[in-house]
Amino acid sequence: MARIWNKHKQFHPVRYSEQSNGAGTPLKRKVFVAMSGGVDSSVAALLLKNQGYDVTGVFMKNWADPAWPCPWQEDREDAIRVCLKLDAPFEVFDFTNEYKTKVVDYMLHEYASGRTPNPDVMCNKEIKFGLFLDKAMAMGADYIATGHYVRKIKSQKSNLKNYVLAKARDLNKDQSYFLWTLKQKQLAKCLFPIGEIESKAEVRRIALASGLPTAQKKDSQGICFMGPVDVGEFIKPYVNNVSGDIVTASGQKIGRHAGLDFFTIGQRKGIGVGGTGPYYVAKKDYKTNVLVVASKGEEFALESKSAIVCQTSFIGDEPREKAEIQAAIRYRQEPVPTVLSKVNNDKWRVDFEKSVRAVAPGQSAVFYRGEELLGGGIID
């Protein structure tokens, strides 16, 4: 049984949709589940199978740098084992070239331009809810499903917003931050079965109780589909390696850096200076090739009251010219009260009620109204 959220904030079960073959026999709705080889997508497939969907597991093979270990073969085998357990067909979609072009090259270009990208956002936009969705639909799927911790809710309001994306029940695992690029057309074809589950522990309990071979597998870390890559080492051949001075917010020279592109606003670890720290990256001055850092008592250099956001996208209706919302500028940050104002086209200004730390160009500013995900954009 699937569940939806009504305007009174109560769940009501609704049966999955069925089509007829014309002879009065209902046909199960076909769903292609993105199988990463992890426990979350495994349980997503299990839940849909138990709800009566015609489940096909799909493993996406994407580009991986041969210089870095990426256990994609093991992950694929785990996905196969889960599908065998569920008696579900299994497919491999090879997006190697597309992933390199749309995600990796984008990431490298952003770093080389002095920004700090979020490749997981781009992977979701271009691969999972772009290429994977399109190919699944072309192969006859009614839906795709993923193991994302997020909730899809039927809207009770706008004519333009048939569905709402909301934070997961397990706020500690909520992944709505990475899904701000989704549109209504995509949402209509997406299912997120584990978003209603209260905790990751419950996800594992379901997997164990059902005998899934991935029940106790550790969560993956690192860049989407690329494994535990050292980002600094990975981008080194592609970015500015010109060394320069490291100075404090008060102008004191305290060290040297190996290239501004290796640093992110707000970064603490890996700056390479000792002294009376800790130090945080406050500014990257490309005109002088100087890295500005802030220590205790210099927090003002890290704080911002506003930011410009570009490439903005909204899941439903675009807000009025000025809207009171909440915004998060990094994953797991508690969204802060914000006024959102349109500048032009896809460019918006965010004015925070209180100063926020470490607004990093290239990262995502993600907009919420309570638990509802409104959209987001890239910090300029």
Protein backbone atom coordinates (compact mmCIF):
# COMPACT_ATOMS: atom_id res chain seq x y z
CA MET A 1 0.00 0.00 0.00
CA ALA A 2 1.30 3.45 -0.89
CA ARG A 3 0.52 6.43 1.29
CA ILE A 4 -0.16 10.09 0.63
CA TRP A 5 -0.28 13.14 2.85
CA ASN A 6 -3.46 15.16 2.99
CA LYS A 7 -3.96 18.77 3.98
CA HIS A 8 -4.74 17.69 7.55
CA LYS A 9 -1.30 16.05 7.79
CA GLN A 10 -2.65 12.54 8.05
CA PHE A 11 -1.64 9.55 5.97
CA HIS A 12 -4.26 7.62 4.08
CA PRO A 13 -3.42 4.40 2.22
CA VAL A 14 -4.13 4.28 -1.49
CA ARG A 15 -3.72 1.23 -3.64
CA TYR A 16 -1.18 1.31 -6.42
CA SER A 17 -2.68 2.07 -9.80
CA GLU A 18 -3.60 -0.74 -12.16
CA GLN A 19 -4.27 -0.76 -15.87
CA SER A 20 -6.42 -3.24 -17.76
CA ASN A 21 -5.35 -5.39 -20.68
CA GLY A 22 -8.78 -4.89 -22.21
CA ALA A 23 -10.05 -8.26 -21.03
CA GLY A 24 -10.76 -7.10 -17.51
CA THR A 25 -7.49 -8.44 -16.10
CA PRO A 26 -5.51 -5.76 -14.24
CA LEU A 27 -1.90 -5.22 -15.26
CA LYS A 28 0.69 -4.38 -12.65
CA ARG A 29 2.37 -1.01 -13.03
CA LYS A 30 5.98 -1.43 -14.12
CA VAL A 31 8.68 0.34 -12.13
CA PHE A 32 12.43 0.43 -12.83
CA VAL A 33 14.33 0.77 -9.55
CA ALA A 34 17.78 2.37 -9.55
CA MET A 35 19.83 -0.27 -7.74
CA SER A 36 23.14 0.99 -6.35
CA GLY A 37 23.98 -2.23 -4.56
CA GLY A 38 23.25 -0.57 -1.21
CA VAL A 39 20.61 -1.28 1.41
CA ASP A 40 18.44 1.77 0.69
CA SER A 41 17.73 0.97 -2.95
CA SER A 42 17.39 -2.72 -2.03
CA VAL A 43 14.63 -1.94 0.47
CA ALA A 44 13.01 0.44 -2.03
CA ALA A 45 12.75 -2.46 -4.49
CA LEU A 46 11.47 -4.80 -1.77
CA LEU A 47 8.73 -2.41 -0.65
CA LEU A 48 7.52 -1.85 -4.20
CA LYS A 49 7.53 -5.58 -4.90
CA ASN A 50 5.46 -6.12 -1.76
CA GLN A 51 3.02 -3.41 -2.87
CA GLY A 52 2.40 -5.31 -6.09
CA TYR A 53 4.47 -3.41 -8.60
CA ASP A 54 6.23 -5.16 -11.47
CA VAL A 55 9.80 -4.38 -10.38
CA THR A 56 12.90 -4.35 -12.58
CA GLY A 57 16.24 -3.58 -10.95
CA VAL A 58 18.64 -1.36 -12.88
CA PHE A 59 22.31 -0.82 -12.11
CA MET A 60 23.83 2.28 -13.69
CA LYS A 61 27.43 1.92 -14.81
CA ASN A 62 29.05 5.32 -14.83
CA TRP A 63 32.51 6.72 -15.46
CA ALA A 64 35.20 6.04 -12.85
CA ASP A 65 38.81 7.23 -12.88
CA PRO A 66 41.02 4.12 -13.14
CA ALA A 67 43.51 5.82 -10.82
CA TRP A 68 41.02 5.59 -7.95
CA PRO A 69 39.39 2.48 -6.50
CA CYS A 70 35.68 2.31 -7.25
CA PRO A 71 33.93 -0.92 -6.23
CA TRP A 72 31.30 -0.75 -8.97
CA GLN A 73 31.71 -4.42 -9.88
CA GLU A 74 30.99 -5.46 -6.29
CA ASP A 75 28.06 -3.05 -6.14
CA ARG A 76 26.65 -4.51 -9.35
CA GLU A 77 26.95 -8.04 -7.97
CA ASP A 78 25.14 -6.99 -4.80
CA ALA A 79 22.34 -5.48 -6.89
CA ILE A 80 22.08 -8.73 -8.87
CA ARG A 81 21.87 -10.75 -5.65
CA VAL A 82 19.03 -8.57 -4.38
CA CYS A 83 17.11 -8.95 -7.64
CA LEU A 84 17.56 -12.71 -7.48
CA LYS A 85 16.19 -12.67 -3.94
CA LEU A 86 13.18 -10.63 -5.10
CA ASP A 87 12.72 -12.67 -8.29
CA ALA A 88 12.98 -9.41 -10.25
CA PRO A 89 14.52 -8.85 -13.70
CA PHE A 90 17.87 -7.03 -13.76
CA GLU A 91 19.31 -4.55 -16.24
CA VAL A 92 22.54 -2.58 -16.59
CA PHE A 93 22.37 0.90 -18.12
CA ASP A 94 25.79 2.10 -19.28
CA PHE A 95 26.06 5.88 -18.89
CA THR A 96 29.87 5.98 -18.80
CA ASN A 97 30.36 8.65 -21.47
CA GLU A 98 27.38 10.74 -20.43
CA TYR A 99 28.46 10.76 -16.78
CA LYS A 100 31.96 11.88 -17.73
CA THR A 101 30.59 14.73 -19.86
CA LYS A 102 27.65 15.89 -17.77
CA VAL A 103 28.94 15.37 -14.23
CA VAL A 104 32.73 14.96 -14.08
CA ASP A 105 33.61 17.57 -16.70
CA TYR A 106 31.11 19.98 -15.12
CA MET A 107 32.73 19.43 -11.73
CA LEU A 108 36.24 20.03 -13.09
CA HIS A 109 35.15 23.16 -14.95
CA GLU A 110 33.57 24.58 -11.81
CA TYR A 111 36.68 23.97 -9.70
CA ALA A 112 38.87 25.50 -12.42
CA SER A 113 36.57 28.55 -12.38
CA GLY A 114 37.08 29.06 -8.65
CA ARG A 115 33.76 27.61 -7.52
CA THR A 116 32.93 24.58 -5.39
CA PRO A 117 30.39 22.40 -7.23
CA ASN A 118 28.03 19.79 -5.87
CA PRO A 119 28.35 16.82 -8.24
CA ASP A 120 25.55 14.92 -6.48
CA VAL A 121 23.05 17.59 -7.54
CA MET A 122 24.24 17.38 -11.14
CA CYS A 123 24.21 13.57 -11.06
CA ASN A 124 20.59 13.61 -9.95
CA LYS A 125 19.62 16.16 -12.58
CA GLU A 126 21.45 14.70 -15.56
CA ILE A 127 21.76 10.98 -14.83
CA LYS A 128 19.22 9.56 -12.38
CA PHE A 129 16.28 11.81 -13.21
CA GLY A 130 17.44 12.56 -16.74
CA LEU A 131 18.99 9.71 -18.70
CA PHE A 132 17.80 6.90 -16.42
CA LEU A 133 14.23 8.20 -16.32
CA ASP A 134 14.11 8.71 -20.09
CA LYS A 135 15.52 5.26 -20.88
CA ALA A 136 13.20 3.55 -18.40
CA MET A 137 10.16 5.24 -19.94
CA ALA A 138 11.35 4.28 -23.43
CA MET A 139 11.54 0.65 -22.27
CA GLY A 140 7.95 0.65 -21.07
CA ALA A 141 8.23 1.62 -17.41
CA ASP A 142 5.39 3.49 -15.75
CA TYR A 143 7.66 4.79 -12.99
CA ILE A 144 11.22 4.89 -11.78
CA ALA A 145 12.15 4.58 -8.12
CA THR A 146 15.27 5.37 -6.11
CA GLY A 147 16.46 4.89 -2.55
CA HIS A 148 16.46 8.62 -1.79
CA TYR A 149 15.28 9.74 1.62
CA VAL A 150 12.56 12.15 0.51
CA ARG A 151 8.75 12.12 0.34
CA LYS A 152 6.55 12.67 -2.70
CA ILE A 153 3.13 14.02 -1.74
CA LYS A 154 0.04 14.70 -3.80
CA SER A 155 -0.58 18.45 -3.77
CA GLN A 156 -3.92 19.85 -2.59
CA LYS A 157 -3.27 23.38 -3.85
CA SER A 158 -1.86 24.71 -7.12
CA ASN A 159 -2.97 23.69 -10.60
CA LEU A 160 0.67 23.86 -11.65
CA LYS A 161 1.95 21.78 -8.75
CA ASN A 162 0.51 18.29 -8.83
CA TYR A 163 3.16 16.92 -6.48
CA VAL A 164 5.17 18.21 -3.55
CA LEU A 165 8.60 17.00 -2.48
CA ALA A 166 9.00 17.03 1.28
CA LYS A 167 11.76 16.18 3.71
CA ALA A 168 12.08 12.55 4.72
CA ARG A 169 10.63 11.24 7.97
CA ASP A 170 14.21 10.54 9.04
CA LEU A 171 15.54 14.11 9.06
CA ASN A 172 19.03 12.85 9.83
CA LYS A 173 19.09 11.07 6.45
CA ASP A 174 16.95 13.54 4.48
CA GLN A 175 18.30 14.04 0.93
CA SER A 176 15.88 16.67 -0.35
CA TYR A 177 18.79 19.14 -0.54
CA PHE A 178 20.14 17.27 -3.58
CA LEU A 179 16.83 17.12 -5.47
CA TRP A 180 15.94 20.78 -6.03
CA THR A 181 16.27 20.50 -9.83
CA LEU A 182 13.29 18.14 -10.19
CA LYS A 183 10.20 19.26 -12.11
CA GLN A 184 6.57 18.17 -12.05
CA LYS A 185 6.94 16.10 -15.22
CA GLN A 186 9.69 14.06 -13.56
CA LEU A 187 7.93 13.78 -10.21
CA ALA A 188 4.87 12.30 -11.87
CA LYS A 189 7.05 9.34 -12.86
CA CYS A 190 9.06 8.97 -9.63
CA LEU A 191 8.57 6.88 -6.49
CA PHE A 192 10.55 7.24 -3.25
CA PRO A 193 9.50 4.26 -1.10
CA ILE A 194 11.79 4.75 1.90
CA GLY A 195 11.05 8.42 2.48
CA GLU A 196 8.26 7.53 4.91
CA ILE A 197 10.43 5.21 7.02
CA GLU A 198 11.26 6.69 10.41
CA SER A 199 14.96 5.78 10.58
CA LYS A 200 17.88 4.13 8.82
CA ALA A 201 17.81 1.53 11.58
CA GLU A 202 14.29 0.62 10.49
CA VAL A 203 15.44 0.34 6.86
CA ARG A 204 18.11 -2.14 7.94
CA ARG A 205 15.61 -4.00 10.13
CA ILE A 206 13.30 -4.44 7.13
CA ALA A 207 16.23 -5.66 5.03
CA LEU A 208 17.34 -8.15 7.70
CA ALA A 209 13.82 -9.45 8.28
CA SER A 210 13.45 -10.04 4.54
CA GLY A 211 16.85 -11.68 4.14
CA LEU A 212 18.25 -9.10 1.73
CA PRO A 213 21.97 -9.69 1.13
CA THR A 214 22.74 -5.96 1.48
CA ALA A 215 21.10 -5.61 4.91
CA GLN A 216 24.35 -4.92 6.76
CA LYS A 217 26.33 -3.31 3.95
CA LYS A 218 27.96 -0.01 4.93
CA ASP A 219 26.72 3.20 3.33
CA SER A 220 28.76 4.44 0.39
CA GLN A 221 30.88 7.57 0.77
CA GLY A 222 32.36 10.07 -1.66
CA ILE A 223 31.29 11.54 -4.99
CA CYS A 224 28.12 10.15 -6.56
CA PHE A 225 29.04 6.85 -8.33
CA MET A 226 32.80 7.50 -8.07
CA GLY A 227 33.58 6.05 -4.66
CA PRO A 228 36.04 7.43 -2.08
CA VAL A 229 37.94 9.83 -4.34
CA ASP A 230 40.34 12.38 -2.82
CA VAL A 231 38.88 15.46 -4.52
CA GLY A 232 42.05 17.54 -4.15
CA GLU A 233 44.21 14.91 -5.81
CA PHE A 234 41.57 14.18 -8.44
CA ILE A 235 41.25 17.79 -9.62
CA LYS A 236 44.98 18.63 -9.39
CA PRO A 237 45.76 18.10 -13.12
CA TYR A 238 42.86 20.34 -14.16
CA VAL A 239 43.04 23.41 -11.91
CA ASN A 240 45.24 26.36 -10.98
CA ASN A 241 48.30 25.13 -9.08
CA VAL A 242 49.95 28.55 -8.66
CA SER A 243 51.03 29.03 -5.06
CA GLY A 244 50.40 32.22 -3.11
CA ASP A 245 50.14 33.75 0.33
CA ILE A 246 47.75 32.82 3.11
CA VAL A 247 46.76 35.83 5.20
CA THR A 248 44.41 36.35 8.12
CA ALA A 249 41.35 38.57 7.93
CA SER A 250 43.43 41.25 9.67
CA GLY A 251 46.12 41.03 6.97
CA GLN A 252 48.82 38.98 8.72
CA LYS A 253 50.72 36.59 6.46
CA ILE A 254 50.81 33.13 8.04
CA GLY A 255 51.69 30.71 5.26
CA ARG A 256 51.54 29.65 1.60
CA HIS A 257 48.91 27.79 -0.39
CA ALA A 258 49.36 25.48 -3.40
CA GLY A 259 46.51 26.91 -5.49
CA LEU A 260 43.24 28.69 -4.70
CA ASP A 261 41.09 26.16 -6.56
CA PHE A 262 41.80 23.53 -3.90
CA PHE A 263 39.93 25.48 -1.23
CA THR A 264 36.27 26.01 -0.36
CA ILE A 265 34.75 28.88 1.57
CA GLY A 266 34.29 27.72 5.16
CA GLN A 267 36.87 24.93 4.87
CA ARG A 268 38.77 24.15 8.06
CA LYS A 269 40.83 21.03 7.45
CA GLY A 270 43.77 20.87 5.08
CA ILE A 271 44.60 24.58 4.97
CA GLY A 272 48.18 23.85 5.96
CA VAL A 273 48.84 26.46 8.64
CA GLY A 274 49.41 26.04 12.34
CA GLY A 275 49.50 28.70 15.01
CA THR A 276 46.61 29.84 17.12
CA GLY A 277 43.85 28.46 14.85
CA PRO A 278 41.63 26.80 13.97
CA TYR A 279 41.46 28.73 10.71
CA TYR A 280 38.62 28.78 8.20
CA VAL A 281 38.77 29.81 4.55
CA ALA A 282 37.00 33.18 4.30
CA LYS A 283 37.90 34.40 0.81
CA LYS A 284 39.76 33.41 -2.34
CA ASP A 285 41.21 36.56 -3.95
CA TYR A 286 42.04 35.60 -7.53
CA LYS A 287 43.35 39.07 -8.41
CA THR A 288 46.17 38.81 -5.89
CA ASN A 289 46.22 34.98 -5.58
CA VAL A 290 45.77 35.34 -1.82
CA LEU A 291 43.86 32.95 0.44
CA VAL A 292 42.18 34.80 3.31
CA VAL A 293 41.48 32.81 6.46
CA ALA A 294 39.65 33.67 9.66
CA SER A 295 40.34 32.48 13.18
CA LYS A 296 38.59 32.99 16.50
CA GLY A 297 37.53 36.61 16.78
CA GLU A 298 37.46 37.06 12.99
CA GLU A 299 34.22 35.20 12.32
CA PHE A 300 32.83 38.34 10.68
CA ALA A 301 34.92 37.51 7.61
CA LEU A 302 32.96 34.27 7.16
CA GLU A 303 29.50 35.75 7.49
CA SER A 304 27.08 36.92 4.81
CA LYS A 305 23.63 38.47 4.97
CA SER A 306 22.74 37.83 1.33
CA ALA A 307 23.71 35.99 -1.85
CA ILE A 308 22.82 35.89 -5.53
CA VAL A 309 21.58 32.55 -6.83
CA CYS A 310 21.55 31.61 -10.53
CA GLN A 311 20.30 28.64 -12.59
CA THR A 312 17.31 28.74 -10.26
CA SER A 313 14.65 26.07 -10.58
CA PHE A 314 11.31 25.57 -8.82
CA ILE A 315 9.46 22.29 -8.35
CA GLY A 316 6.06 23.93 -8.58
CA ASP A 317 4.91 27.51 -8.92
CA GLU A 318 7.55 30.21 -9.05
CA PRO A 319 7.18 32.36 -5.92
CA ARG A 320 5.96 35.92 -6.13
CA GLU A 321 8.66 38.57 -6.56
CA LYS A 322 9.32 38.60 -2.82
CA ALA A 323 8.67 35.50 -0.78
CA GLU A 324 9.39 34.62 2.84
CA ILE A 325 10.88 31.14 2.87
CA GLN A 326 13.72 29.20 4.48
CA ALA A 327 17.02 28.44 2.74
CA ALA A 328 19.89 26.01 3.29
CA ILE A 329 23.30 26.71 1.74
CA ARG A 330 24.84 23.34 2.54
CA TYR A 331 23.75 19.76 3.16
CA ARG A 332 22.45 19.09 6.68
CA GLN A 333 22.25 22.80 7.50
CA GLU A 334 19.06 23.81 9.28
CA PRO A 335 17.26 26.10 6.79
CA VAL A 336 17.23 29.72 7.95
CA PRO A 337 14.47 32.34 7.46
CA THR A 338 15.10 34.09 4.16
CA VAL A 339 13.49 36.60 1.82
CA LEU A 340 13.68 35.48 -1.80
CA SER A 341 13.55 38.24 -4.45
CA LYS A 342 13.68 37.88 -8.21
CA VAL A 343 16.47 39.73 -10.03
CA ASN A 344 15.89 38.57 -13.60
CA ASN A 345 15.24 35.38 -15.57
CA ASP A 346 16.69 32.54 -13.45
CA LYS A 347 18.63 34.81 -11.08
CA TRP A 348 17.31 35.46 -7.56
CA ARG A 349 18.58 37.22 -4.45
CA VAL A 350 18.41 35.61 -1.03
CA ASP A 351 18.46 37.85 2.05
CA PHE A 352 18.99 35.92 5.26
CA GLU A 353 17.25 37.03 8.44
CA LYS A 354 20.52 36.50 10.29
CA SER A 355 24.06 36.27 8.99
CA VAL A 356 25.10 32.81 7.80
CA ARG A 357 28.60 31.37 7.66
CA ALA A 358 30.51 30.22 4.63
CA VAL A 359 28.37 31.04 1.59
CA ALA A 360 30.38 29.20 -1.08
CA PRO A 361 30.01 30.05 -4.80
CA GLY A 362 29.12 26.93 -6.79
CA GLN A 363 27.25 25.27 -3.95
CA SER A 364 23.47 24.94 -3.90
CA ALA A 365 21.13 27.29 -2.09
CA VAL A 366 18.00 25.21 -1.52
CA PHE A 367 14.61 26.70 -0.72
CA TYR A 368 12.02 25.33 1.70
CA ARG A 369 8.68 26.25 3.20
CA GLY A 370 8.56 24.15 6.32
CA GLU A 371 9.13 20.56 5.21
CA GLU A 372 8.27 21.29 1.59
CA LEU A 373 11.13 21.57 -0.92
CA LEU A 374 10.42 24.56 -3.18
CA GLY A 375 13.49 24.51 -5.42
CA GLY A 376 16.94 26.02 -5.41
CA GLY A 377 19.84 27.38 -7.41
CA ILE A 378 23.60 27.75 -7.64
CA ILE A 379 25.29 30.37 -5.45
CA ASP A 380 26.95 32.93 -7.73
